Amino acid sequence: MRTIQLNIPDEVDLKDYDFSMIIASKLYEDGALTSGQAAQMAGLSKRTFIELLGRYGVSVFSKSISDLHSEITNA
């Protein structure tokens, strides 16, 4: 696992938790991480991560029809 340091302007009023969640949810949305990997990156359980995705504008459902069929089958 890599660690990245970001310099964020003081005017940006977000907590460290929000930055982790924003990055993890975007990587999940783009398919770069599984929900489990993204949850771990954000420091959350998989269930909590999935429950919070909507707050960050990310759907838990895949945009691909084939992925959606696979998710339904695996549910």
C-alpha atoms as a PDB file:
ATOM      1  CA  MET A   1       0.000   0.000   0.000  1.00  0.00           C
ATOM      2  CA  ARG A   2       1.263   3.486  -0.873  1.00  0.00           C
ATOM      3  CA  THR A   3       0.958   6.638   1.160  1.00  0.00           C
ATOM      4  CA  ILE A   4       0.390   9.964  -0.568  1.00  0.00           C
ATOM      5  CA  GLN A   5       0.723  13.367   1.058  1.00  0.00           C
ATOM      6  CA  LEU A   6      -1.484  16.181  -0.221  1.00  0.00           C
ATOM      7  CA  ASN A   7      -1.204  19.874   0.529  1.00  0.00           C
ATOM      8  CA  ILE A   8      -4.759  21.138   0.773  1.00  0.00           C
ATOM      9  CA  PRO A   9      -5.552  24.844   1.121  1.00  0.00           C
ATOM     10  CA  ASP A  10      -6.923  25.871   4.506  1.00  0.00           C
ATOM     11  CA  GLU A  11      -9.994  27.290   2.758  1.00  0.00           C
ATOM     12  CA  VAL A  12     -11.138  23.772   1.840  1.00  0.00           C
ATOM     13  CA  ASP A  13     -13.427  22.863   4.701  1.00  0.00           C
ATOM     14  CA  LEU A  14     -13.371  19.061   4.630  1.00  0.00           C
ATOM     15  CA  LYS A  15     -12.235  16.582   7.238  1.00  0.00           C
ATOM     16  CA  ASP A  16      -9.486  14.026   6.506  1.00  0.00           C
ATOM     17  CA  TYR A  17     -12.201  11.359   6.555  1.00  0.00           C
ATOM     18  CA  ASP A  18     -14.026  13.088   3.689  1.00  0.00           C
ATOM     19  CA  PHE A  19     -10.898  13.196   1.534  1.00  0.00           C
ATOM     20  CA  SER A  20     -10.299   9.480   2.050  1.00  0.00           C
ATOM     21  CA  MET A  21     -13.913   8.717   1.202  1.00  0.00           C
ATOM     22  CA  ILE A  22     -13.928  10.982  -1.868  1.00  0.00           C
ATOM     23  CA  ILE A  23     -10.822   9.327  -3.286  1.00  0.00           C
ATOM     24  CA  ALA A  24     -11.895   5.776  -2.394  1.00  0.00           C
ATOM     25  CA  SER A  25     -15.409   6.252  -3.805  1.00  0.00           C
ATOM     26  CA  LYS A  26     -14.056   7.717  -7.067  1.00  0.00           C
ATOM     27  CA  LEU A  27     -11.629   4.823  -7.505  1.00  0.00           C
ATOM     28  CA  TYR A  28     -14.505   2.421  -6.803  1.00  0.00           C
ATOM     29  CA  GLU A  29     -16.753   4.226  -9.287  1.00  0.00           C
ATOM     30  CA  ASP A  30     -14.027   4.057 -11.964  1.00  0.00           C
ATOM     31  CA  GLY A  31     -13.564   0.327 -11.351  1.00  0.00           C
ATOM     32  CA  ALA A  32      -9.984   0.702 -10.119  1.00  0.00           C
ATOM     33  CA  LEU A  33     -10.906  -0.736  -6.687  1.00  0.00           C
ATOM     34  CA  THR A  34     -13.441  -3.268  -5.478  1.00  0.00           C
ATOM     35  CA  SER A  35     -15.863  -2.153  -2.802  1.00  0.00           C
ATOM     36  CA  GLY A  36     -13.810  -4.069  -0.237  1.00  0.00           C
ATOM     37  CA  GLN A  37     -10.557  -2.413  -1.304  1.00  0.00           C
ATOM     38  CA  ALA A  38     -12.174   1.022  -1.353  1.00  0.00           C
ATOM     39  CA  ALA A  39     -13.693   0.436   2.082  1.00  0.00           C
ATOM     40  CA  GLN A  40     -10.294  -0.542   3.455  1.00  0.00           C
ATOM     41  CA  MET A  41      -8.736   2.565   1.903  1.00  0.00           C
ATOM     42  CA  ALA A  42     -11.378   4.744   3.578  1.00  0.00           C
ATOM     43  CA  GLY A  43     -10.915   2.907   6.896  1.00  0.00           C
ATOM     44  CA  LEU A  44     -14.478   1.574   6.905  1.00  0.00           C
ATOM     45  CA  SER A  45     -16.248  -1.743   6.838  1.00  0.00           C
ATOM     46  CA  LYS A  46     -17.495  -2.755   3.397  1.00  0.00           C
ATOM     47  CA  ARG A  47     -21.096  -2.356   4.545  1.00  0.00           C
ATOM     48  CA  THR A  48     -20.531   1.160   5.891  1.00  0.00           C
ATOM     49  CA  PHE A  49     -18.629   2.177   2.754  1.00  0.00           C
ATOM     50  CA  ILE A  50     -21.491   1.001   0.535  1.00  0.00           C
ATOM     51  CA  GLU A  51     -24.058   2.770   2.730  1.00  0.00           C
ATOM     52  CA  LEU A  52     -22.131   6.061   2.457  1.00  0.00           C
ATOM     53  CA  LEU A  53     -21.495   6.017  -1.309  1.00  0.00           C
ATOM     54  CA  GLY A  54     -24.641   8.024  -2.088  1.00  0.00           C
ATOM     55  CA  ARG A  55     -23.412  10.933   0.040  1.00  0.00           C
ATOM     56  CA  TYR A  56     -20.447  11.206  -2.316  1.00  0.00           C
ATOM     57  CA  GLY A  57     -22.503  10.988  -5.509  1.00  0.00           C
ATOM     58  CA  VAL A  58     -21.541   7.402  -6.321  1.00  0.00           C
ATOM     59  CA  SER A  59     -24.004   4.616  -7.064  1.00  0.00           C
ATOM     60  CA  VAL A  60     -23.389   1.194  -5.607  1.00  0.00           C
ATOM     61  CA  PHE A  61     -24.666  -0.230  -8.899  1.00  0.00           C
ATOM     62  CA  SER A  62     -22.382  -0.635 -11.872  1.00  0.00           C
ATOM     63  CA  LYS A  63     -22.970   1.402 -15.005  1.00  0.00           C
ATOM     64  CA  SER A  64     -22.346  -1.640 -17.203  1.00  0.00           C
ATOM     65  CA  ILE A  65     -25.294  -3.919 -17.980  1.00  0.00           C
ATOM     66  CA  SER A  66     -23.104  -7.044 -17.853  1.00  0.00           C
ATOM     67  CA  ASP A  67     -21.694  -5.961 -14.483  1.00  0.00           C
ATOM     68  CA  LEU A  68     -25.219  -5.308 -13.223  1.00  0.00           C
ATOM     69  CA  HIS A  69     -26.333  -8.807 -14.264  1.00  0.00           C
ATOM     70  CA  SER A  70     -23.294 -10.241 -12.502  1.00  0.00           C
ATOM     71  CA  GLU A  71     -24.020  -8.254  -9.336  1.00  0.00           C
ATOM     72  CA  ILE A  72     -27.643  -9.445  -9.337  1.00  0.00           C
ATOM     73  CA  THR A  73     -26.527 -13.052  -9.797  1.00  0.00           C
ATOM     74  CA  ASN A  74     -24.006 -12.738  -6.952  1.00  0.00           C
ATOM     75  CA  ALA A  75     -26.431 -10.989  -4.586  1.00  0.00           C
END
